[in-house]
Amino acid sequence: MNQNDFTLSRPVSLSLPVEDIDRLLAEHSGDAALVYLALQRSGGQPVSPAALGLSGAAYEAALRTLARLGVVRDAQAPVKEAPLPPAEELPQYTAEDLIRRTREDLAFQGVLQHTEQLYGRKLSTPENRTLLGIQDYLGLPPEVLMELITYVFARYRAQRGPGRVPTMRMIETEAYTWARNELLTPELAEAYIARQQQRQERAIQLMEAMDLHGRTPSKTEKKYLDGWMQMGFGPEEVGEAYDRTVTSTGALKWPYLDKILASWHQRGLHRLPEILENDPRGGGRRKAAPEVSHTPPRNDLDLAEQLLRGGKGKTEG
């Protein structure tokens, strides 16, 4: 049968990095491609090998292949952020440039108006230069750039409170992240924002599992939480590690808790039942409750009569 007789049943709708696809095709590994697609579908969350029809060993081998290809990274490896380029490499604008672009560049007019509405004021000349530099240097489409700025404002206000506004430097830093991840369409931007919001919700759940309520994590805490989520742990597992940490040290110590979770990850223990079965030490408040006796309750009046009758018998003898 000729391969030209076949076509896709639906229009192409996936948004996958072309470099990743090329590396997978060159590798000729069906297992690696299968695991990659499953991870993309789950938003980077752990996938059960059984659900893919793979053994644990085959799944781990596929992950190692993906890590070697640079398609996924080891959760234990630190993320290296690309530095911002030196100031001299950014576009330089004179006052005349800014005035001309503000009057003639309709795309920049829309971005500028949107940003000023969020700030509730006119932007300063340095802020105008930065905003125009982001648009020109990073090449983010105007609609994507406006979505980025809205996202930065919403995130900052969620962390710091209503009415608070981020700096233009914060917007610039986030713009470099979007550019590095090639978020160049509204659809890709929306998917990225949804993933970030889900990650934030999961981080809050992990915080609550450690009895930390009503606040967002610090920068250092966020690194721990991101690492634990990448390892595949949820609130129950983090709560168990928290119990053991407090039991052993008397307080919440993040490095100690991290070592517990890292040891479970290295042993392939990611769910609470298998953790309790294979590493039952120091179960904290999740230790099994003592068995309840099924002996029927005694009748104190009957017991007293038995003792009296016993006493009389001994006396009469």
Protein backbone atom coordinates (compact mmCIF):
# COMPACT_ATOMS: atom_id res chain seq x y z
CA MET A 1 0.00 0.00 0.00
CA ASN A 2 1.35 3.41 -0.97
CA GLN A 3 2.04 5.82 1.90
CA ASN A 4 0.50 8.59 -0.22
CA ASP A 5 -2.88 6.92 0.31
CA PHE A 6 -2.86 8.11 3.91
CA THR A 7 -3.37 11.55 5.41
CA LEU A 8 -4.04 12.95 8.87
CA SER A 9 -7.63 12.54 10.06
CA ARG A 10 -7.58 16.02 11.59
CA PRO A 11 -5.75 19.26 10.75
CA VAL A 12 -2.30 19.60 12.30
CA SER A 13 -2.78 21.31 15.69
CA LEU A 14 0.21 20.30 17.83
CA SER A 15 2.76 22.95 18.82
CA LEU A 16 6.01 21.09 19.40
CA PRO A 17 9.57 22.40 19.14
CA VAL A 18 10.92 21.47 15.72
CA GLU A 19 14.38 20.80 17.19
CA ASP A 20 12.91 18.23 19.60
CA ILE A 21 11.09 16.45 16.78
CA ASP A 22 14.22 16.37 14.60
CA ARG A 23 16.30 14.89 17.43
CA LEU A 24 13.68 12.22 18.14
CA LEU A 25 13.38 11.26 14.47
CA ALA A 26 17.16 10.97 14.19
CA GLU A 27 17.29 8.79 17.33
CA HIS A 28 14.91 6.14 15.93
CA SER A 29 13.60 5.32 19.41
CA GLY A 30 9.89 4.55 19.58
CA ASP A 31 9.88 4.41 23.39
CA ALA A 32 11.54 7.82 23.67
CA ALA A 33 9.06 9.35 21.23
CA LEU A 34 6.14 7.77 23.10
CA VAL A 35 7.29 9.07 26.48
CA TYR A 36 7.99 12.52 24.99
CA LEU A 37 4.44 12.78 23.61
CA ALA A 38 2.99 11.59 26.92
CA LEU A 39 4.98 14.20 28.86
CA GLN A 40 3.85 16.92 26.45
CA ARG A 41 0.24 15.80 26.87
CA SER A 42 0.50 15.81 30.68
CA GLY A 43 2.13 19.23 30.79
CA GLY A 44 5.40 17.79 32.08
CA GLN A 45 3.82 15.83 34.92
CA PRO A 46 4.99 12.25 35.60
CA VAL A 47 3.34 9.56 33.50
CA SER A 48 2.69 5.98 34.58
CA PRO A 49 4.84 3.53 32.56
CA ALA A 50 1.98 1.01 32.68
CA ALA A 51 -0.35 3.52 31.01
CA LEU A 52 2.07 3.60 28.07
CA GLY A 53 2.52 -0.15 27.95
CA LEU A 54 6.12 0.13 29.09
CA SER A 55 8.02 -1.55 31.89
CA GLY A 56 9.64 0.60 34.54
CA ALA A 57 13.08 -0.13 33.10
CA ALA A 58 12.00 0.79 29.56
CA TYR A 59 10.43 4.01 30.81
CA GLU A 60 13.59 5.01 32.69
CA ALA A 61 15.70 4.18 29.62
CA ALA A 62 13.46 6.39 27.48
CA LEU A 63 13.84 9.24 29.96
CA ARG A 64 17.62 8.87 29.89
CA THR A 65 17.51 9.02 26.08
CA LEU A 66 15.39 12.18 26.19
CA ALA A 67 17.79 13.72 28.73
CA ARG A 68 20.77 12.87 26.52
CA LEU A 69 19.05 14.51 23.55
CA GLY A 70 18.40 17.61 25.63
CA VAL A 71 14.63 17.21 25.30
CA VAL A 72 14.09 16.80 29.06
CA ARG A 73 16.39 17.65 31.91
CA ASP A 74 17.34 15.96 35.15
CA ALA A 75 15.19 17.37 37.98
CA GLN A 76 18.33 17.44 40.15
CA ALA A 77 20.26 19.58 37.67
CA PRO A 78 20.08 23.32 38.29
CA VAL A 79 18.37 25.43 35.66
CA LYS A 80 20.77 27.90 34.08
CA GLU A 81 19.04 31.10 33.10
CA ALA A 82 20.45 32.82 30.06
CA PRO A 83 21.78 36.22 31.13
CA LEU A 84 20.28 39.40 29.76
CA PRO A 85 22.43 40.93 27.03
CA PRO A 86 24.65 43.86 27.96
CA ALA A 87 23.00 47.26 27.74
CA GLU A 88 25.18 48.26 24.80
CA GLU A 89 23.66 45.45 22.72
CA LEU A 90 20.10 46.68 23.24
CA PRO A 91 18.61 49.13 20.78
CA GLN A 92 19.40 52.73 21.65
CA TYR A 93 16.73 55.35 21.06
CA THR A 94 16.92 59.10 21.05
CA ALA A 95 14.04 61.30 22.19
CA GLU A 96 13.26 61.90 18.53
CA ASP A 97 13.14 58.14 17.88
CA LEU A 98 10.62 57.66 20.68
CA ILE A 99 8.41 60.48 19.47
CA ARG A 100 8.47 59.24 15.89
CA ARG A 101 7.76 55.61 16.80
CA THR A 102 4.96 56.62 19.14
CA ARG A 103 3.32 58.58 16.33
CA GLU A 104 3.99 56.25 13.39
CA ASP A 105 4.25 52.71 14.79
CA LEU A 106 0.64 51.56 15.26
CA ALA A 107 1.74 48.27 16.86
CA PHE A 108 3.83 50.06 19.47
CA GLN A 109 1.01 52.52 20.08
CA GLY A 110 -1.24 49.64 21.09
CA VAL A 111 1.38 48.13 23.40
CA LEU A 112 2.15 51.49 24.97
CA GLN A 113 -1.50 52.35 25.56
CA HIS A 114 -2.16 48.92 27.10
CA THR A 115 0.84 49.23 29.42
CA GLU A 116 -0.07 52.75 30.54
CA GLN A 117 -3.61 51.62 31.34
CA LEU A 118 -2.24 48.92 33.63
CA TYR A 119 0.16 51.34 35.34
CA GLY A 120 -2.52 54.01 35.56
CA ARG A 121 -0.10 56.68 34.36
CA LYS A 122 2.11 57.76 31.49
CA LEU A 123 5.36 55.86 31.17
CA SER A 124 8.62 57.68 31.79
CA THR A 125 11.13 58.11 28.98
CA PRO A 126 13.39 55.26 30.27
CA GLU A 127 10.32 52.97 30.57
CA ASN A 128 9.32 53.88 27.01
CA ARG A 129 12.81 53.01 25.80
CA THR A 130 12.73 49.65 27.57
CA LEU A 131 9.28 48.78 26.23
CA LEU A 132 10.24 49.67 22.68
CA GLY A 133 13.51 47.78 23.05
CA ILE A 134 11.62 44.66 24.17
CA GLN A 135 9.41 44.85 21.09
CA ASP A 136 12.26 45.50 18.64
CA TYR A 137 15.02 43.34 20.14
CA LEU A 138 13.03 40.24 21.16
CA GLY A 139 10.58 40.27 18.27
CA LEU A 140 7.52 39.40 20.35
CA PRO A 141 4.33 40.19 18.39
CA PRO A 142 2.31 43.09 19.87
CA GLU A 143 -0.60 40.87 20.96
CA VAL A 144 1.80 38.47 22.69
CA LEU A 145 3.67 41.32 24.36
CA MET A 146 0.42 42.77 25.71
CA GLU A 147 -0.55 39.35 27.06
CA LEU A 148 2.87 39.05 28.69
CA ILE A 149 2.53 42.43 30.40
CA THR A 150 -0.96 41.56 31.66
CA TYR A 151 0.39 38.27 33.03
CA VAL A 152 3.27 39.98 34.87
CA PHE A 153 0.85 42.46 36.46
CA ALA A 154 -1.57 39.71 37.55
CA ARG A 155 1.21 37.56 38.99
CA TYR A 156 2.79 40.45 40.88
CA ARG A 157 -0.51 41.58 42.36
CA ALA A 158 -1.35 38.03 43.43
CA GLN A 159 1.95 37.96 45.32
CA ARG A 160 2.08 41.51 46.68
CA GLY A 161 -1.55 42.59 46.87
CA PRO A 162 -4.07 44.57 44.80
CA GLY A 163 -2.91 47.88 43.41
CA ARG A 164 0.78 46.95 43.44
CA VAL A 165 2.61 47.28 40.13
CA PRO A 166 5.75 45.52 38.84
CA THR A 167 8.77 47.38 37.55
CA MET A 168 9.57 47.59 33.85
CA ARG A 169 12.66 45.50 34.63
CA MET A 170 10.38 42.66 35.77
CA ILE A 171 8.47 42.88 32.50
CA GLU A 172 11.77 42.85 30.60
CA THR A 173 13.04 39.79 32.47
CA GLU A 174 9.81 37.87 31.76
CA ALA A 175 10.01 38.92 28.11
CA TYR A 176 13.42 37.25 27.78
CA THR A 177 11.94 34.06 29.23
CA TRP A 178 9.15 34.10 26.67
CA ALA A 179 11.61 34.79 23.86
CA ARG A 180 13.87 31.91 24.95
CA ASN A 181 10.83 29.59 24.98
CA GLU A 182 9.70 30.90 21.58
CA LEU A 183 6.25 31.95 22.80
CA LEU A 184 5.51 33.85 19.62
CA THR A 185 1.77 33.24 19.21
CA PRO A 186 -1.20 33.98 21.50
CA GLU A 187 -1.96 30.24 21.64
CA LEU A 188 1.52 29.36 22.88
CA ALA A 189 1.41 32.24 25.35
CA GLU A 190 -1.95 31.13 26.75
CA ALA A 191 -0.74 27.54 27.12
CA TYR A 192 2.39 28.76 28.95
CA ILE A 193 0.34 30.94 31.30
CA ALA A 194 -2.01 28.03 32.04
CA ARG A 195 0.96 25.78 32.89
CA GLN A 196 2.43 28.44 35.17
CA GLN A 197 -0.88 28.89 36.97
CA GLN A 198 -1.21 25.13 37.45
CA ARG A 199 2.32 25.02 38.83
CA GLN A 200 1.50 27.85 41.22
CA GLU A 201 -1.62 26.03 42.42
CA ARG A 202 0.36 22.85 43.00
CA ALA A 203 3.04 24.82 44.86
CA ILE A 204 0.36 26.24 47.19
CA GLN A 205 -0.93 22.70 47.81
CA LEU A 206 2.58 21.57 48.75
CA MET A 207 2.96 24.57 51.07
CA GLU A 208 -0.32 23.70 52.79
CA ALA A 209 0.88 20.11 53.20
CA MET A 210 3.69 21.58 55.31
CA ASP A 211 1.26 23.68 57.38
CA LEU A 212 2.31 26.87 55.57
CA HIS A 213 -0.82 28.84 54.79
CA GLY A 214 -1.73 32.26 53.47
CA ARG A 215 1.52 33.21 51.76
CA THR A 216 3.46 32.62 48.58
CA PRO A 217 6.82 30.81 48.70
CA SER A 218 10.08 32.73 48.77
CA LYS A 219 12.53 32.46 45.89
CA THR A 220 14.52 29.72 47.64
CA GLU A 221 11.38 27.86 48.70
CA LYS A 222 10.07 28.01 45.13
CA LYS A 223 13.22 26.26 43.88
CA TYR A 224 12.61 23.42 46.33
CA LEU A 225 8.91 23.18 45.40
CA ASP A 226 9.66 23.19 41.65
CA GLY A 227 12.22 20.43 42.15
CA TRP A 228 9.77 18.27 44.10
CA MET A 229 7.06 18.72 41.49
CA GLN A 230 9.51 17.80 38.75
CA MET A 231 10.38 14.65 40.69
CA GLY A 232 6.68 13.78 40.66
CA PHE A 233 5.68 14.28 44.30
CA GLY A 234 2.28 15.56 45.39
CA PRO A 235 0.87 16.98 48.65
CA GLU A 236 0.54 13.57 50.35
CA GLU A 237 4.16 12.63 49.75
CA VAL A 238 5.49 16.06 50.73
CA GLY A 239 3.28 15.98 53.82
CA GLU A 240 4.77 12.62 54.80
CA ALA A 241 8.31 13.93 54.34
CA TYR A 242 7.35 17.01 56.37
CA ASP A 243 6.09 14.79 59.22
CA ARG A 244 9.35 12.86 59.27
CA THR A 245 11.37 16.07 59.14
CA VAL A 246 9.57 17.62 62.11
CA THR A 247 9.71 14.33 64.03
CA SER A 248 13.48 14.06 63.52
CA THR A 249 14.54 17.71 63.80
CA GLY A 250 11.73 19.41 65.71
CA ALA A 251 11.10 21.97 62.96
CA LEU A 252 10.60 22.45 59.24
CA LYS A 253 14.05 22.27 57.68
CA TRP A 254 13.85 22.52 53.91
CA PRO A 255 17.24 20.89 53.11
CA TYR A 256 16.44 17.94 55.39
CA LEU A 257 13.01 17.50 53.81
CA ASP A 258 14.54 17.78 50.36
CA LYS A 259 16.99 14.96 51.13
CA ILE A 260 14.11 12.69 52.16
CA LEU A 261 12.24 13.32 48.91
CA ALA A 262 15.42 12.99 46.84
CA SER A 263 16.14 9.60 48.44
CA TRP A 264 12.62 8.40 47.58
CA HIS A 265 13.01 9.69 44.03
CA GLN A 266 16.30 7.81 43.59
CA ARG A 267 14.59 4.62 44.77
CA GLY A 268 11.60 5.13 42.46
CA LEU A 269 9.14 5.75 45.31
CA HIS A 270 6.73 8.52 44.31
CA ARG A 271 3.36 7.57 45.84
CA LEU A 272 2.50 7.44 49.53
CA PRO A 273 1.39 3.76 49.68
CA GLU A 274 4.65 2.54 48.15
CA ILE A 275 6.65 4.90 50.37
CA LEU A 276 4.99 3.58 53.53
CA GLU A 277 5.52 0.00 52.36
CA ASN A 278 9.17 0.33 51.35
CA ASP A 279 10.37 3.05 53.72
CA PRO A 280 8.16 2.85 56.82
CA ARG A 281 10.59 4.59 59.17
CA GLY A 282 9.31 7.66 61.02
CA GLY A 283 5.80 7.69 59.65
CA GLY A 284 4.83 10.69 61.79
CA ARG A 285 1.14 11.34 62.18
CA ARG A 286 0.42 8.93 59.35
CA LYS A 287 1.43 5.89 61.45
CA ALA A 288 -1.28 3.28 61.66
CA ALA A 289 -3.64 3.71 64.59
CA PRO A 290 -3.48 1.01 67.30
CA GLU A 291 -5.84 -1.89 66.87
CA VAL A 292 -9.14 -1.48 68.63
CA SER A 293 -10.03 -4.30 71.03
CA HIS A 294 -13.21 -6.17 70.12
CA THR A 295 -13.74 -7.53 73.66
CA PRO A 296 -17.31 -6.65 74.72
CA PRO A 297 -17.56 -4.12 77.54
CA ARG A 298 -17.79 -5.52 81.03
CA ASN A 299 -20.85 -5.04 83.19
CA ASP A 300 -19.46 -3.61 86.45
CA LEU A 301 -22.52 -4.74 88.49
CA ASP A 302 -22.18 -8.37 87.33
CA LEU A 303 -18.45 -8.27 88.14
CA ALA A 304 -19.14 -7.04 91.66
CA GLU A 305 -21.68 -9.83 92.30
CA GLN A 306 -19.20 -12.44 91.07
CA LEU A 307 -16.56 -11.16 93.49
CA LEU A 308 -19.01 -11.22 96.40
CA ARG A 309 -20.12 -14.78 95.63
CA GLY A 310 -16.50 -15.86 95.36
CA GLY A 311 -15.71 -14.32 98.75
CA LYS A 312 -18.62 -16.07 100.45
CA GLY A 313 -17.63 -19.46 99.10
CA LYS A 314 -14.13 -19.17 100.52
CA THR A 315 -15.48 -18.15 103.93
CA GLU A 316 -17.90 -21.06 104.13
CA GLY A 317 -15.16 -23.54 103.20
